Amino acid sequence: MNLLNKGISTEEGATAVEYSMMVVFIAAAVVALVRTLGLTTLGLFQGLVSLWP
């Protein structure tokens, strides 16, 4: 019975590898979002500066 319980308990929950993969994907998404927003903001300010007399 202990062997059965041990097998079940080792398969429950996320492992450190799964958590680290989630962190990597979330970090990549944040980097992509910040880069996109930064480039958009840069373009907006460059457009405003070009209109300045």
N, C-alpha and C. Protein backbone atom coordinates (compact mmCIF):
# COMPACT_ATOMS: atom_id res chain seq x y z
N MET A 1 0.82 -1.19 0.00
CA MET A 1 0.00 0.00 0.00
C MET A 1 0.87 1.26 0.00
N ASN A 2 1.99 1.24 0.70
CA ASN A 2 2.87 2.40 0.73
C ASN A 2 3.44 2.68 -0.65
N LEU A 3 3.74 1.63 -1.41
CA LEU A 3 4.28 1.81 -2.76
C LEU A 3 3.25 2.48 -3.66
N LEU A 4 1.99 2.11 -3.52
CA LEU A 4 0.91 2.70 -4.31
C LEU A 4 0.75 4.19 -3.96
N ASN A 5 0.75 4.51 -2.68
CA ASN A 5 0.62 5.91 -2.26
C ASN A 5 1.82 6.73 -2.71
N LYS A 6 2.99 6.15 -2.67
CA LYS A 6 4.19 6.87 -3.10
C LYS A 6 4.13 7.17 -4.60
N GLY A 7 3.65 6.24 -5.39
CA GLY A 7 3.52 6.47 -6.83
C GLY A 7 2.52 7.56 -7.15
N ILE A 8 1.45 7.62 -6.41
CA ILE A 8 0.43 8.64 -6.64
C ILE A 8 0.94 10.01 -6.21
N SER A 9 1.63 10.08 -5.09
CA SER A 9 2.06 11.38 -4.57
C SER A 9 3.19 11.98 -5.41
N THR A 10 3.97 11.18 -6.12
CA THR A 10 5.05 11.74 -6.93
C THR A 10 4.54 12.31 -8.24
N GLU A 11 3.31 11.97 -8.64
CA GLU A 11 2.76 12.46 -9.90
C GLU A 11 1.82 13.65 -9.71
N GLU A 12 1.60 14.08 -8.51
CA GLU A 12 0.69 15.20 -8.26
C GLU A 12 1.44 16.51 -8.27
N GLY A 13 0.80 17.55 -8.76
CA GLY A 13 1.38 18.88 -8.72
C GLY A 13 2.41 19.10 -9.80
N ALA A 14 2.81 20.35 -9.93
CA ALA A 14 3.82 20.72 -10.92
C ALA A 14 5.21 20.58 -10.32
N THR A 15 6.13 20.21 -11.17
CA THR A 15 7.51 20.08 -10.72
C THR A 15 8.25 21.39 -10.94
N ALA A 16 9.48 21.46 -10.45
CA ALA A 16 10.29 22.65 -10.61
C ALA A 16 10.57 22.93 -12.08
N VAL A 17 10.70 21.88 -12.88
CA VAL A 17 10.94 22.06 -14.31
C VAL A 17 9.74 22.73 -14.96
N GLU A 18 8.55 22.30 -14.62
CA GLU A 18 7.34 22.91 -15.19
C GLU A 18 7.19 24.36 -14.77
N TYR A 19 7.49 24.65 -13.51
CA TYR A 19 7.43 26.02 -13.04
C TYR A 19 8.47 26.89 -13.74
N SER A 20 9.66 26.37 -13.94
CA SER A 20 10.70 27.16 -14.61
C SER A 20 10.33 27.40 -16.08
N MET A 21 9.69 26.45 -16.72
CA MET A 21 9.24 26.66 -18.10
C MET A 21 8.17 27.73 -18.16
N MET A 22 7.26 27.74 -17.20
CA MET A 22 6.24 28.77 -17.14
C MET A 22 6.87 30.15 -16.95
N VAL A 23 7.86 30.24 -16.10
CA VAL A 23 8.54 31.51 -15.85
C VAL A 23 9.23 31.99 -17.12
N VAL A 24 9.87 31.10 -17.85
CA VAL A 24 10.55 31.48 -19.09
C VAL A 24 9.55 32.00 -20.11
N PHE A 25 8.42 31.32 -20.28
CA PHE A 25 7.42 31.77 -21.25
C PHE A 25 6.80 33.11 -20.85
N ILE A 26 6.53 33.29 -19.57
CA ILE A 26 5.98 34.56 -19.10
C ILE A 26 7.00 35.68 -19.28
N ALA A 27 8.27 35.41 -18.98
CA ALA A 27 9.31 36.43 -19.16
C ALA A 27 9.45 36.80 -20.63
N ALA A 28 9.38 35.83 -21.51
CA ALA A 28 9.48 36.12 -22.95
C ALA A 28 8.30 36.98 -23.41
N ALA A 29 7.12 36.69 -22.90
CA ALA A 29 5.94 37.48 -23.25
C ALA A 29 6.07 38.91 -22.74
N VAL A 30 6.58 39.08 -21.54
CA VAL A 30 6.77 40.42 -20.98
C VAL A 30 7.80 41.20 -21.78
N VAL A 31 8.89 40.55 -22.16
CA VAL A 31 9.91 41.22 -22.96
C VAL A 31 9.34 41.65 -24.30
N ALA A 32 8.58 40.79 -24.95
CA ALA A 32 7.98 41.13 -26.24
C ALA A 32 7.00 42.29 -26.09
N LEU A 33 6.21 42.28 -25.04
CA LEU A 33 5.24 43.35 -24.81
C LEU A 33 5.94 44.68 -24.55
N VAL A 34 6.94 44.67 -23.70
CA VAL A 34 7.66 45.91 -23.38
C VAL A 34 8.37 46.44 -24.61
N ARG A 35 8.95 45.56 -25.40
CA ARG A 35 9.63 46.00 -26.62
C ARG A 35 8.62 46.64 -27.59
N THR A 36 7.48 46.02 -27.77
CA THR A 36 6.46 46.55 -28.67
C THR A 36 5.95 47.90 -28.18
N LEU A 37 5.65 47.99 -26.90
CA LEU A 37 5.16 49.25 -26.36
C LEU A 37 6.23 50.33 -26.42
N GLY A 38 7.48 49.96 -26.20
CA GLY A 38 8.57 50.92 -26.26
C GLY A 38 8.75 51.47 -27.66
N LEU A 39 8.69 50.60 -28.66
CA LEU A 39 8.85 51.06 -30.04
C LEU A 39 7.67 51.92 -30.47
N THR A 40 6.47 51.56 -30.01
CA THR A 40 5.28 52.35 -30.33
C THR A 40 5.38 53.74 -29.69
N THR A 41 5.80 53.78 -28.45
CA THR A 41 5.94 55.05 -27.75
C THR A 41 7.04 55.89 -28.39
N LEU A 42 8.12 55.27 -28.78
CA LEU A 42 9.20 55.98 -29.45
C LEU A 42 8.71 56.61 -30.74
N GLY A 43 7.95 55.87 -31.52
CA GLY A 43 7.41 56.40 -32.77
C GLY A 43 6.46 57.56 -32.52
N LEU A 44 5.67 57.46 -31.48
CA LEU A 44 4.74 58.54 -31.13
C LEU A 44 5.50 59.82 -30.79
N PHE A 45 6.51 59.71 -29.95
CA PHE A 45 7.27 60.90 -29.56
C PHE A 45 8.09 61.45 -30.71
N GLN A 46 8.61 60.60 -31.56
CA GLN A 46 9.35 61.09 -32.73
C GLN A 46 8.43 61.86 -33.66
N GLY A 47 7.19 61.38 -33.79
CA GLY A 47 6.20 62.09 -34.61
C GLY A 47 5.87 63.45 -34.02
N LEU A 48 5.75 63.52 -32.70
CA LEU A 48 5.46 64.79 -32.04
C LEU A 48 6.64 65.76 -32.17
N VAL A 49 7.85 65.27 -32.06
CA VAL A 49 9.04 66.11 -32.17
C VAL A 49 9.16 66.65 -33.59
N SER A 50 8.80 65.85 -34.58
CA SER A 50 8.92 66.32 -35.96
C SER A 50 7.91 67.41 -36.26
N LEU A 51 6.81 67.48 -35.51
CA LEU A 51 5.81 68.53 -35.68
C LEU A 51 6.19 69.82 -34.96
N TRP A 52 7.14 69.73 -34.04
CA TRP A 52 7.55 70.91 -33.26
C TRP A 52 8.27 71.90 -34.17
N PRO A 53 7.88 73.18 -34.09
CA PRO A 53 8.51 74.17 -35.00
C PRO A 53 9.95 74.47 -34.69
